[in-house]
Protein backbone atom coordinates (compact mmCIF):
# COMPACT_ATOMS: atom_id res chain seq x y z
CA MET A 1 55.53 -54.39 -4.59
CA THR A 2 57.71 -57.48 -4.27
CA ALA A 3 61.23 -57.52 -2.85
CA ASN A 4 62.66 -57.76 -6.38
CA ASP A 5 60.48 -54.88 -7.56
CA LYS A 6 61.73 -52.71 -4.71
CA LYS A 7 65.33 -53.70 -5.44
CA PHE A 8 64.92 -52.54 -9.05
CA LEU A 9 63.24 -49.30 -7.99
CA PHE A 10 65.86 -48.48 -5.37
CA LYS A 11 68.67 -49.16 -7.84
CA LEU A 12 67.02 -46.78 -10.31
CA LEU A 13 66.68 -44.11 -7.62
CA SER A 14 70.23 -44.53 -6.36
CA THR A 15 71.87 -44.23 -9.79
CA PRO A 16 72.77 -40.59 -10.50
CA SER A 17 71.19 -39.42 -13.77
CA PRO A 18 70.97 -35.62 -13.89
CA THR A 19 69.67 -33.96 -17.04
CA GLY A 20 72.20 -34.31 -19.85
CA PHE A 21 73.93 -37.21 -18.08
CA GLU A 22 71.19 -39.85 -17.93
CA THR A 23 73.03 -42.86 -19.41
CA PRO A 24 73.91 -44.64 -16.11
CA GLY A 25 70.26 -44.76 -15.10
CA GLN A 26 69.20 -45.75 -18.61
CA ARG A 27 71.50 -48.77 -18.45
CA VAL A 28 69.83 -49.89 -15.23
CA TRP A 29 66.38 -49.46 -16.78
CA ALA A 30 67.28 -51.20 -20.04
CA SER A 31 68.90 -54.13 -18.25
CA HIS A 32 65.67 -54.74 -16.38
CA VAL A 33 63.11 -54.16 -19.11
CA LYS A 34 64.90 -56.29 -21.72
CA LYS A 35 63.78 -59.37 -19.75
CA HIS A 36 60.26 -58.74 -21.01
CA ALA A 37 60.59 -56.70 -24.22
CA ASP A 38 60.97 -57.88 -27.78
CA SER A 39 63.57 -55.18 -28.36
CA VAL A 40 65.33 -52.37 -26.49
CA ASP A 41 67.19 -49.44 -28.07
CA ILE A 42 68.64 -46.00 -27.37
CA ASP A 43 68.81 -42.84 -29.48
CA ALA A 44 71.65 -40.38 -30.01
CA TYR A 45 70.94 -38.36 -26.85
CA GLY A 46 70.05 -41.26 -24.57
CA SER A 47 66.29 -41.68 -24.65
CA THR A 48 65.73 -45.41 -24.28
CA TRP A 49 62.73 -47.44 -25.35
CA ALA A 50 61.43 -50.99 -25.26
CA ILE A 51 58.90 -52.57 -27.61
CA LEU A 52 56.38 -55.34 -26.95
CA LYS A 53 54.79 -56.43 -30.21
CA GLY A 54 51.02 -56.71 -30.24
CA ARG A 55 48.84 -59.41 -31.79
CA SER A 56 47.18 -57.19 -34.38
CA ALA A 57 48.79 -55.04 -37.05
CA LYS A 58 45.48 -53.15 -37.30
CA ALA A 59 45.47 -52.12 -33.62
CA PRO A 60 47.01 -48.75 -32.75
CA THR A 61 50.58 -48.49 -31.53
CA VAL A 62 50.64 -46.97 -28.05
CA MET A 63 53.48 -45.12 -26.36
CA LEU A 64 53.80 -45.02 -22.57
CA GLU A 65 56.35 -42.34 -21.73
CA ALA A 66 58.19 -41.24 -18.60
CA HIS A 67 61.36 -39.21 -18.16
CA ALA A 68 64.65 -40.56 -16.89
CA ASP A 69 66.43 -37.37 -15.80
CA GLU A 70 66.61 -35.83 -12.35
CA ILE A 71 67.43 -32.32 -11.20
CA GLY A 72 70.96 -31.60 -10.01
CA TYR A 73 73.86 -29.19 -10.32
CA ILE A 74 76.84 -28.58 -12.59
CA ILE A 75 80.24 -27.09 -11.78
CA LYS A 76 80.34 -23.45 -12.87
CA HIS A 77 83.62 -22.28 -11.34
CA VAL A 78 86.51 -23.54 -9.19
CA SER A 79 88.16 -20.91 -6.98
CA LYS A 80 91.90 -20.71 -6.34
CA GLU A 81 91.14 -21.71 -2.74
CA GLY A 82 89.59 -25.00 -3.90
CA PHE A 83 85.91 -24.19 -3.45
CA ILE A 84 83.49 -25.24 -6.20
CA TYR A 85 80.63 -23.01 -7.34
CA LEU A 86 77.53 -24.45 -8.96
CA ASP A 87 74.78 -23.77 -11.44
CA ARG A 88 71.41 -25.49 -11.46
CA VAL A 89 70.50 -28.40 -13.71
CA GLY A 90 66.75 -28.26 -14.07
CA GLY A 91 64.69 -26.87 -11.21
CA SER A 92 67.02 -27.48 -8.27
CA ASP A 93 65.91 -25.53 -5.20
CA ALA A 94 68.80 -23.44 -3.85
CA ALA A 95 66.79 -22.78 -0.70
CA THR A 96 67.28 -26.38 0.42
CA GLY A 97 70.90 -26.70 -0.74
CA ARG A 98 73.05 -25.45 2.14
CA GLY A 99 74.52 -28.08 4.43
CA ARG A 100 73.75 -31.01 2.14
CA ARG A 101 76.01 -33.81 0.92
CA ILE A 102 76.43 -34.21 -2.83
CA ASN A 103 78.17 -36.54 -5.24
CA ILE A 104 80.06 -34.89 -8.08
CA LEU A 105 80.39 -37.15 -11.12
CA GLY A 106 84.00 -36.55 -12.15
CA ASP A 107 86.44 -38.14 -14.57
CA LYS A 108 87.81 -40.46 -11.86
CA GLY A 109 84.41 -41.42 -10.50
CA PRO A 110 82.09 -39.84 -7.92
CA VAL A 111 83.65 -37.31 -5.54
CA LYS A 112 81.94 -36.60 -2.23
CA GLY A 113 81.34 -32.99 -1.32
CA ILE A 114 79.27 -30.81 0.96
CA ILE A 115 77.47 -27.60 0.11
CA GLY A 116 78.87 -25.17 2.65
CA ASN A 117 76.66 -23.77 5.37
CA THR A 118 78.10 -20.88 7.37
CA ALA A 119 77.14 -21.31 11.02
CA ILE A 120 74.10 -19.30 12.10
CA HIS A 121 76.27 -17.57 14.71
CA LEU A 122 78.44 -16.05 11.95
CA ARG A 123 75.78 -14.99 9.51
CA LYS A 124 74.60 -11.38 9.36
CA ASP A 125 71.09 -12.19 10.48
CA SER A 126 71.43 -14.66 13.33
CA LEU A 127 67.69 -14.45 14.07
CA GLY A 128 66.97 -16.47 10.95
CA ASN A 129 65.15 -13.79 8.96
CA GLU A 130 67.56 -13.86 6.03
CA LYS A 131 66.51 -14.69 2.49
CA ALA A 132 67.21 -18.01 0.81
CA PRO A 133 70.63 -18.14 -0.89
CA LYS A 134 70.92 -17.56 -4.59
CA ILE A 135 72.44 -20.34 -6.66
CA HIS A 136 75.72 -18.48 -7.26
CA GLU A 137 76.13 -18.14 -3.49
CA LEU A 138 76.28 -21.91 -2.95
CA TYR A 139 79.76 -23.39 -2.79
CA VAL A 140 81.01 -26.95 -2.38
CA ASP A 141 83.80 -28.15 -0.12
CA VAL A 142 85.46 -31.36 -1.35
CA GLY A 143 88.37 -31.22 1.10
CA ALA A 144 90.67 -29.43 -1.34
CA SER A 145 92.86 -26.41 -0.54
CA SER A 146 93.42 -25.20 -4.09
CA ASP A 147 92.08 -25.46 -7.62
CA LYS A 148 94.96 -27.79 -8.44
CA GLU A 149 93.86 -30.21 -5.71
CA VAL A 150 90.34 -30.10 -7.13
CA ASN A 151 91.73 -30.98 -10.57
CA LYS A 152 93.67 -33.91 -9.09
CA LEU A 153 90.35 -35.33 -7.88
CA GLY A 154 89.24 -35.49 -11.53
CA LEU A 155 86.97 -32.45 -11.33
CA ARG A 156 86.59 -29.47 -13.65
CA VAL A 157 83.99 -27.02 -14.85
CA GLY A 158 81.14 -28.94 -16.50
CA HIS A 159 80.96 -31.98 -14.25
CA PRO A 160 77.44 -32.69 -12.92
CA ALA A 161 76.41 -33.37 -9.34
CA VAL A 162 73.40 -34.78 -7.49
CA TYR A 163 72.44 -34.95 -3.84
CA ALA A 164 73.83 -38.00 -2.04
CA ASP A 165 70.52 -38.96 -0.39
CA GLU A 166 69.41 -42.58 -0.88
CA PRO A 167 65.88 -44.08 -1.02
CA GLU A 168 64.16 -45.35 2.11
CA GLU A 169 60.86 -47.01 2.89
CA PHE A 170 58.71 -45.25 5.47
CA ALA A 171 55.77 -46.48 7.49
CA ASN A 172 52.41 -47.18 5.86
CA GLY A 173 53.80 -48.11 2.45
CA ARG A 174 55.57 -44.88 1.57
CA ILE A 175 58.91 -44.36 -0.16
CA VAL A 176 61.08 -41.28 0.28
CA SER A 177 63.97 -40.41 -2.02
CA ARG A 178 65.50 -37.86 -4.31
CA ALA A 179 64.74 -38.35 -8.03
CA LEU A 180 61.30 -39.93 -7.59
CA ASP A 181 60.51 -37.20 -10.14
CA ASN A 182 60.52 -39.07 -12.40
CA ARG A 183 62.50 -42.24 -11.89
CA ILE A 184 59.30 -43.69 -10.45
CA GLY A 185 57.76 -43.23 -13.90
CA GLY A 186 60.45 -45.39 -15.50
CA TYR A 187 59.75 -48.03 -12.87
CA ILE A 188 56.00 -47.91 -13.55
CA ILE A 189 56.19 -48.29 -17.34
CA ALA A 190 58.67 -51.16 -16.90
CA GLN A 191 56.16 -52.88 -14.59
CA VAL A 192 53.37 -52.35 -17.13
CA MET A 193 55.43 -54.03 -19.84
CA ALA A 194 56.32 -56.91 -17.52
CA LYS A 195 52.67 -57.54 -16.63
CA LEU A 196 51.57 -57.50 -20.26
CA ALA A 197 54.46 -59.72 -21.39
CA LYS A 198 53.74 -62.31 -18.70
CA ALA A 199 50.02 -62.52 -19.45
CA LYS A 200 48.64 -65.56 -21.26
CA THR A 201 47.53 -63.37 -24.16
CA ARG A 202 49.44 -60.38 -25.41
CA PRO A 203 47.53 -57.16 -26.06
CA ALA A 204 46.36 -56.46 -29.59
CA ALA A 205 48.26 -53.17 -29.63
CA THR A 206 52.02 -52.84 -29.94
CA LEU A 207 53.46 -51.15 -26.86
CA GLN A 208 56.33 -48.66 -26.86
CA CYS A 209 57.69 -47.91 -23.38
CA VAL A 210 59.88 -44.81 -23.53
CA ASN A 211 62.22 -43.45 -20.86
CA ALA A 212 63.07 -40.02 -22.26
CA VAL A 213 65.90 -37.64 -21.41
CA GLN A 214 66.00 -33.88 -20.77
CA GLU A 215 62.44 -33.37 -19.52
CA GLU A 216 63.60 -31.07 -16.74
CA ILE A 217 64.91 -28.51 -19.25
CA GLY A 218 62.08 -28.53 -21.78
CA GLY A 219 61.18 -32.06 -22.86
CA HIS A 220 63.72 -32.26 -25.67
CA GLY A 221 64.18 -36.01 -25.35
CA ALA A 222 60.45 -36.62 -25.75
CA THR A 223 60.42 -34.52 -28.90
CA MET A 224 63.29 -36.45 -30.49
CA ILE A 225 62.02 -39.92 -29.64
CA THR A 226 58.42 -39.22 -30.67
CA ARG A 227 59.60 -38.06 -34.08
CA ARG A 228 61.36 -41.41 -34.41
CA LEU A 229 58.64 -43.76 -33.10
CA MET A 230 55.46 -41.87 -34.16
CA PRO A 231 52.88 -43.80 -32.13
CA ASP A 232 49.14 -43.62 -32.83
CA VAL A 233 48.30 -42.71 -29.23
CA ALA A 234 50.39 -41.81 -26.19
CA VAL A 235 50.05 -41.64 -22.42
CA CYS A 236 52.64 -39.63 -20.55
CA LEU A 237 53.34 -40.59 -16.95
CA ASP A 238 54.79 -38.04 -14.54
CA VAL A 239 54.42 -36.96 -10.94
CA THR A 240 52.10 -34.21 -9.74
CA HIS A 241 51.93 -32.16 -6.57
CA ALA A 242 50.00 -33.76 -3.72
CA THR A 243 48.39 -30.64 -2.30
CA ASP A 244 47.20 -32.08 1.02
CA THR A 245 50.11 -30.87 3.15
CA PRO A 246 49.91 -27.68 5.26
CA GLY A 247 50.12 -24.28 3.60
CA ILE A 248 49.01 -25.16 0.05
CA SER A 249 46.01 -23.32 -1.38
CA HIS A 250 43.52 -25.52 -3.25
CA THR A 251 42.02 -22.49 -4.96
CA ILE A 252 45.40 -21.77 -6.53
CA HIS A 253 46.89 -25.25 -7.00
CA GLY A 254 43.86 -27.57 -7.06
CA GLU A 255 43.25 -30.53 -4.78
CA VAL A 256 45.18 -33.76 -5.20
CA LYS A 257 45.29 -36.11 -2.25
CA PHE A 258 48.18 -38.39 -1.35
CA GLY A 259 47.16 -42.05 -1.32
CA ALA A 260 43.90 -41.42 -3.21
CA GLY A 261 44.92 -42.81 -6.59
CA PRO A 262 46.22 -41.51 -9.94
CA SER A 263 45.45 -37.99 -11.16
CA LEU A 264 44.19 -37.40 -14.69
CA THR A 265 44.70 -34.03 -16.38
CA HIS A 266 42.07 -32.32 -18.55
CA GLY A 267 42.63 -29.57 -21.10
CA THR A 268 45.30 -28.29 -23.54
CA CYS A 269 47.44 -31.17 -24.83
CA ASN A 270 45.26 -33.81 -23.16
CA HIS A 271 43.13 -35.30 -25.91
CA PRO A 272 39.50 -35.71 -24.78
CA ASN A 273 39.09 -39.13 -26.36
CA VAL A 274 42.24 -40.50 -24.73
CA VAL A 275 41.19 -39.01 -21.38
CA LYS A 276 37.74 -40.55 -21.80
CA ARG A 277 39.21 -44.01 -22.46
CA LEU A 278 41.45 -43.76 -19.39
CA MET A 279 38.44 -42.82 -17.26
CA GLU A 280 36.43 -45.72 -18.68
CA VAL A 281 39.07 -48.38 -18.01
CA ALA A 282 39.70 -47.02 -14.52
CA LYS A 283 35.99 -47.14 -13.70
CA LYS A 284 35.69 -50.68 -15.03
CA ALA A 285 38.68 -51.77 -12.92
CA LYS A 286 37.31 -49.87 -9.88
CA ILE A 287 40.44 -47.71 -9.63
CA PRO A 288 39.84 -44.25 -8.12
CA ILE A 289 40.83 -41.31 -10.31
CA GLN A 290 41.57 -37.75 -9.23
CA HIS A 291 41.29 -34.81 -11.61
CA GLU A 292 43.43 -31.79 -12.52
CA SER A 293 43.09 -29.02 -15.09
CA SER A 294 45.60 -27.64 -17.57
CA SER A 295 44.73 -24.15 -18.75
CA ARG A 296 47.73 -23.31 -20.96
CA TYR A 297 50.25 -26.16 -20.98
CA SER A 298 50.91 -29.25 -18.89
CA GLY A 299 54.56 -28.55 -18.12
CA THR A 300 55.39 -32.18 -18.93
CA ASP A 301 56.53 -34.24 -21.90
CA THR A 302 52.85 -34.57 -22.88
CA ASP A 303 53.11 -31.15 -24.53
CA ASN A 304 56.04 -32.20 -26.73
CA ILE A 305 54.56 -35.59 -27.64
CA SER A 306 51.10 -34.32 -28.55
CA TYR A 307 52.38 -31.59 -30.87
CA THR A 308 54.65 -33.88 -32.90
CA GLY A 309 53.98 -34.25 -36.61
CA GLN A 310 50.31 -33.74 -37.41
CA GLY A 311 49.40 -34.32 -33.78
CA ILE A 312 49.41 -37.46 -31.61
CA PRO A 313 46.37 -38.00 -29.35
CA SER A 314 47.91 -37.91 -25.89
CA ALA A 315 47.04 -37.72 -22.23
CA LEU A 316 48.84 -37.14 -18.95
CA ILE A 317 48.31 -39.40 -15.96
CA SER A 318 50.17 -38.45 -12.80
CA LEU A 319 51.31 -39.98 -9.54
CA PRO A 320 50.72 -37.79 -6.46
CA LEU A 321 54.05 -36.73 -4.96
CA ARG A 322 54.91 -34.77 -1.84
CA TYR A 323 57.83 -32.31 -1.61
CA MET A 324 58.73 -32.20 -5.33
CA HIS A 325 62.28 -31.20 -6.33
CA SER A 326 63.66 -31.95 -2.90
CA VAL A 327 65.71 -34.81 -1.45
CA VAL A 328 62.65 -36.01 0.47
CA GLU A 329 60.15 -36.59 -2.33
CA VAL A 330 57.52 -39.08 -1.13
CA VAL A 331 55.18 -41.46 -2.97
CA ASP A 332 52.57 -43.92 -1.76
CA ILE A 333 53.07 -47.51 -2.94
CA GLY A 334 49.31 -47.96 -3.24
CA ASP A 335 49.14 -45.04 -5.67
CA VAL A 336 52.02 -46.55 -7.66
CA GLU A 337 50.24 -49.90 -8.01
CA GLN A 338 47.01 -48.20 -9.12
CA VAL A 339 48.81 -46.22 -11.83
CA ILE A 340 50.31 -49.49 -13.09
CA ASP A 341 46.87 -51.13 -13.15
CA VAL A 342 45.26 -48.22 -15.05
CA LEU A 343 47.97 -48.26 -17.71
CA VAL A 344 47.78 -52.05 -18.11
CA ALA A 345 44.00 -51.77 -18.53
CA PHE A 346 44.39 -48.95 -21.06
CA VAL A 347 46.81 -50.91 -23.25
CA ARG A 348 44.60 -54.01 -23.08
CA SER A 349 41.58 -51.94 -24.11
CA LEU A 350 43.09 -51.00 -27.48
CA LYS A 351 41.65 -52.99 -30.35
CA ALA A 352 41.89 -53.11 -34.14
CA GLY A 353 40.26 -50.05 -35.66
CA ASP A 354 40.56 -47.82 -32.58
CA ASP A 355 41.00 -44.23 -33.70
CA PHE A 356 41.20 -41.39 -31.17
CA ALA A 357 41.04 -38.54 -33.68
CA LEU A 358 38.15 -36.09 -33.28
CA LYS A 359 35.40 -36.22 -35.88
CA LEU A 360 33.09 -33.53 -37.25
């Protein structure tokens, strides 16, 4: 990862883009990817895509998809005393919320706030045996003394908020940040397009790189954009749980190691022929692959993409991530580079006449 690559990634991670309010982050992504794409566009709800035209009209069109949105909060109520109450946007973890700084995206720009944390001395159970707070119990202090003062700051019910934590680089090539789920995916597909565009020979296949909205609440953005673009084959890129930290059962959650390469999912929406091709190109490029199973659904945009129209052969490849849906999500740069390399190899492998449909 070069200094410029890291600058782009950190800008993506720093730009607040909670579900339903992704446009600021999409502008950052589009501004970067347009340097390499033949075209860049956005749909009615904000899903943004870039196209790199292939050499052959007979080669399949391939979609690489990630999601642009991050978890967050939204203002549910403002009390007469000037405290703000929240609801979750996506899978925000109320258990980690108290005592954290947030940025509320109001009409007059971001407003700094803190999620209140009553001192342990004053709580009912000072021994620390209490249960995690429920979302409606979290309140935000923005320094106001009344609801009118809150309104003067440009805030009202319906404004979104995200944690104020910024990205950092740790030792041994690791990055910690909020919103790595899945802003890192947008970074990766942008890097894939850049590598293919800079190569002496373009791939035969036309490439669609899609940064979709609203994944955290059901993958609605992926559904809308796939209906528009209708690729012949798709690979969805998301994060997955690295299960090598203390207290995680491998018999329940499987085994995915941090720093051991991309994880490929088998089953349900993951088309066996697309999975097979990904395994073949990874083996040829000597890139290690980890494996996961999907017994009912993937829980990612892969579900929505694969079921579009008469069915689009699709597969999910994932980046191992520690501490998902927290402000300290962690990825390994080596894993990131290997995901990029697998996807570049997959796109380059597509030739005229390739058809991933199953045959009798």
